Protein backbone atom coordinates (compact mmCIF):
# COMPACT_ATOMS: atom_id res chain seq x y z
CA UNK A 1 -22.52 20.17 -2.16
CA UNK A 2 -21.79 22.29 0.93
CA UNK A 3 -18.18 22.72 1.97
CA UNK A 4 -17.00 19.88 4.19
CA UNK A 5 -15.63 20.79 7.60
CA UNK A 6 -11.90 21.32 7.87
CA UNK A 7 -10.08 18.46 9.56
CA UNK A 8 -7.04 19.35 11.66
CA UNK A 9 -6.90 16.52 14.20
CA UNK A 10 -5.61 13.11 13.10
CA UNK A 11 -6.89 11.50 16.30
CA UNK A 12 -10.58 11.33 15.42
CA UNK A 13 -11.86 7.81 14.94
CA UNK A 14 -14.90 5.55 14.96
CA UNK A 15 -17.28 5.75 17.91
CA UNK A 16 -19.61 2.90 18.78
CA UNK A 17 -23.09 3.62 17.42
CA UNK A 18 -21.79 5.75 14.54
CA UNK A 19 -23.97 6.23 11.46
CA UNK A 20 -21.49 7.56 8.93
CA UNK A 21 -21.87 8.90 5.40
CA UNK A 22 -19.05 8.69 2.88
CA UNK A 23 -18.97 10.16 -0.61
CA UNK A 24 -17.10 8.83 -3.61
CA UNK A 25 -16.98 9.42 -7.37
CA UNK A 26 -17.66 6.83 -10.03
CA UNK A 27 -16.94 3.62 -8.14
CA UNK A 28 -13.71 1.79 -8.86
CA UNK A 29 -10.78 2.09 -6.50
CA UNK A 30 -12.19 4.97 -4.48
CA UNK A 31 -15.23 2.94 -3.44
CA UNK A 32 -13.16 -0.19 -2.85
CA UNK A 33 -10.58 1.75 -0.83
CA UNK A 34 -13.24 2.99 1.59
CA UNK A 35 -14.71 -0.49 2.03
CA UNK A 36 -11.31 -2.18 2.44
CA UNK A 37 -10.23 0.33 5.11
CA UNK A 38 -13.51 0.01 7.00
CA UNK A 39 -13.69 -3.79 6.86
CA UNK A 40 -10.00 -4.29 7.68
CA UNK A 41 -10.38 -2.20 10.83
CA UNK A 42 -13.36 -4.26 11.93
CA UNK A 43 -11.72 -7.60 11.15
CA UNK A 44 -8.53 -6.63 13.01
CA UNK A 45 -10.73 -6.02 16.06
CA UNK A 46 -12.19 -9.52 15.68
CA UNK A 47 -15.62 -8.11 14.86
CA UNK A 48 -18.18 -9.26 12.31
CA UNK A 49 -18.27 -7.24 9.07
CA UNK A 50 -21.12 -7.12 6.55
CA UNK A 51 -21.00 -5.35 3.18
CA UNK A 52 -23.90 -4.42 0.91
CA UNK A 53 -22.28 -3.92 -2.50
CA UNK A 54 -22.84 -5.32 -5.96
CA UNK A 55 -19.19 -5.73 -6.99
CA UNK A 56 -17.24 -7.11 -4.02
CA UNK A 57 -14.42 -8.78 -5.98
CA UNK A 58 -12.13 -5.74 -5.69
CA UNK A 59 -12.57 -5.80 -1.92
CA UNK A 60 -12.35 -9.54 -1.29
CA UNK A 61 -8.98 -9.80 -3.00
CA UNK A 62 -7.47 -7.08 -0.82
CA UNK A 63 -8.47 -8.44 2.59
CA UNK A 64 -5.59 -10.41 4.16
CA UNK A 65 -6.50 -14.08 4.53
CA UNK A 66 -5.49 -14.20 8.18
CA UNK A 67 -8.30 -11.74 8.97
CA UNK A 68 -11.01 -14.00 7.54
CA UNK A 69 -10.11 -17.39 9.00
CA UNK A 70 -13.45 -17.52 10.80
CA UNK A 71 -16.04 -18.52 8.19
CA UNK A 72 -18.79 -16.02 8.96
CA UNK A 73 -16.72 -13.03 10.07
CA UNK A 74 -16.97 -11.26 6.67
CA UNK A 75 -20.16 -11.43 4.60
CA UNK A 76 -21.14 -9.79 1.32
CA UNK A 77 -24.68 -9.19 0.08
CA UNK A 78 -25.87 -7.38 -3.04
CA UNK A 79 -27.43 -3.98 -2.48
CA UNK A 80 -30.85 -5.41 -3.30
CA UNK A 81 -30.40 -8.23 -0.74
CA UNK A 82 -29.34 -5.71 1.88
CA UNK A 83 -31.76 -2.85 1.30
CA UNK A 84 -34.73 -4.56 -0.38
CA UNK A 85 -35.08 -7.84 1.55
CA UNK A 86 -38.74 -8.17 0.49
CA UNK A 87 -38.21 -7.10 -3.12
CA UNK A 88 -39.36 -3.49 -2.72
CA UNK A 89 -37.97 -0.92 -0.33
CA UNK A 90 -39.78 -0.70 3.00
CA UNK A 91 -38.50 1.33 5.95
CA UNK A 92 -40.07 -1.05 8.45
CA UNK A 93 -38.69 -4.18 6.76
CA UNK A 94 -35.24 -2.62 6.49
CA UNK A 95 -35.10 -1.55 10.16
CA UNK A 96 -36.38 -4.99 11.21
CA UNK A 97 -33.59 -6.55 9.15
CA UNK A 98 -30.99 -4.26 10.71
CA UNK A 99 -32.18 -5.14 14.20
CA UNK A 100 -32.15 -8.87 13.42
CA UNK A 101 -28.62 -8.55 12.01
CA UNK A 102 -27.34 -6.73 15.09
CA UNK A 103 -28.94 -9.23 17.48
CA UNK A 104 -27.74 -12.16 15.38
CA UNK A 105 -24.17 -10.84 15.41
CA UNK A 106 -24.17 -10.64 19.21
CA UNK A 107 -25.74 -14.09 19.54
CA UNK A 108 -22.89 -15.51 17.44
CA UNK A 109 -20.46 -14.32 20.10
CA UNK A 110 -19.13 -11.20 18.34
CA UNK A 111 -18.71 -8.06 20.40
CA UNK A 112 -19.48 -5.61 17.58
CA UNK A 113 -20.92 -5.34 14.06
CA UNK A 114 -19.37 -3.29 11.24
CA UNK A 115 -21.91 -2.72 8.45
CA UNK A 116 -21.08 -0.84 5.26
CA UNK A 117 -23.21 -0.39 2.17
CA UNK A 118 -23.21 1.30 -1.20
CA UNK A 119 -26.50 3.11 -1.88
CA UNK A 120 -26.52 3.17 -5.69
CA UNK A 121 -29.56 0.86 -5.62
CA UNK A 122 -31.63 3.86 -4.48
CA UNK A 123 -31.21 5.48 -7.90
CA UNK A 124 -31.16 2.25 -9.89
CA UNK A 125 -34.48 1.08 -8.41
CA UNK A 126 -36.03 4.58 -8.24
CA UNK A 127 -36.64 4.29 -4.49
CA UNK A 128 -38.69 7.18 -3.17
CA UNK A 129 -36.15 9.60 -1.70
CA UNK A 130 -38.49 10.86 1.01
CA UNK A 131 -38.94 7.30 2.28
CA UNK A 132 -35.22 6.56 1.93
CA UNK A 133 -34.05 9.56 3.94
CA UNK A 134 -36.75 9.02 6.59
CA UNK A 135 -35.14 5.59 6.97
CA UNK A 136 -31.62 7.03 7.11
CA UNK A 137 -32.81 9.38 9.85
CA UNK A 138 -34.24 6.40 11.74
CA UNK A 139 -30.94 4.50 11.37
CA UNK A 140 -29.11 7.34 13.14
CA UNK A 141 -31.30 6.71 16.19
CA UNK A 142 -31.13 2.92 15.82
CA UNK A 143 -27.34 2.68 15.50
CA UNK A 144 -26.44 3.56 19.14
CA UNK A 145 -28.80 0.88 20.49
CA UNK A 146 -26.27 -1.83 19.62
CA UNK A 147 -22.46 -2.10 19.59
CA UNK A 148 -22.08 -1.35 15.90
CA UNK A 149 -20.67 0.97 13.27
CA UNK A 150 -22.75 1.71 10.15
CA UNK A 151 -21.35 3.46 7.07
CA UNK A 152 -23.42 4.44 4.00
CA UNK A 153 -21.61 5.26 0.75
CA UNK A 154 -23.02 7.71 -1.78
CA UNK A 155 -21.79 8.03 -5.35
CA UNK A 156 -21.64 11.76 -6.16
CA UNK A 157 -22.10 10.94 -9.85
CA UNK A 158 -25.65 9.78 -9.03
CA UNK A 159 -26.85 12.30 -6.43
CA UNK A 160 -27.43 16.02 -6.94
CA UNK A 161 -26.54 18.74 -4.44
CA UNK A 162 -30.00 18.88 -2.86
CA UNK A 163 -29.95 15.12 -2.26
CA UNK A 164 -26.44 15.33 -0.80
CA UNK A 165 -27.83 17.76 1.77
CA UNK A 166 -30.37 15.11 2.79
CA UNK A 167 -27.49 12.65 3.18
CA UNK A 168 -25.68 15.09 5.46
CA UNK A 169 -28.78 15.85 7.52
CA UNK A 170 -29.43 12.17 8.28
CA UNK A 171 -26.00 10.87 9.36
CA UNK A 172 -24.39 11.67 12.70
CA UNK A 173 -20.83 11.38 11.43
CA UNK A 174 -19.05 11.92 8.11
CA UNK A 175 -16.01 10.40 6.43
CA UNK A 176 -13.66 13.21 5.36
CA UNK A 177 -10.07 12.82 4.14
CA UNK A 178 -9.77 9.35 5.63
CA UNK A 179 -11.12 10.39 9.04
CA UNK A 180 -14.47 9.99 10.78
CA UNK A 181 -15.68 13.27 12.28
CA UNK A 182 -18.84 14.66 13.84
CA UNK A 183 -21.19 15.87 11.10
CA UNK A 184 -22.13 19.53 11.68
CA UNK A 185 -25.05 19.24 9.23
CA UNK A 186 -26.82 16.40 11.08
CA UNK A 187 -30.40 17.04 12.24
CA UNK A 188 -32.12 14.70 14.77
CA UNK A 189 -34.97 12.58 13.39
CA UNK A 190 -37.88 14.51 14.90
CA UNK A 191 -36.55 17.80 13.58
CA UNK A 192 -35.63 16.32 10.17
CA UNK A 193 -39.01 14.68 9.60
CA UNK A 194 -40.89 17.70 10.93
CA UNK A 195 -38.92 20.15 8.81
CA UNK A 196 -39.67 18.70 5.38
């Protein structure tokens, strides 16, 4: 994995339309910590939060009840439900689902959507990596079209260094040391798809 950029400023934060990558090791508290922090920030803003993760129990129990008084403000889906809505992975079906989710959130009266997902299903279901990262590149261009924040979590125990570079090239921002910063490795979609 390439060296991550040094972070000196504590003032960097989420920007509307962010497509963020976050890395973790082995699941457990590290994964849950990232999700809890992300979701709590969204809920405190009164925004809708959606999580794609297979083991949400460790997150649910740590979200203060007063933040989830509205029934539909926090929703959990398995990774397969989130990323493979038609059973197999399809870039077009996934982007259609993302667009429908963003529009649906706004139609429910929410100002913003916070969407976070673990990507371990990519390895578990042997999803074609070329197709997956073409989709991630597309999401970086889709994200700013709506008032939303999208974070993708990658387990470093499952992805090799070459694959991690694809992660970095397809996300506009990166989670480093608890902060969200501009990703210096990001490549716009046309350049990314043309350069492979």
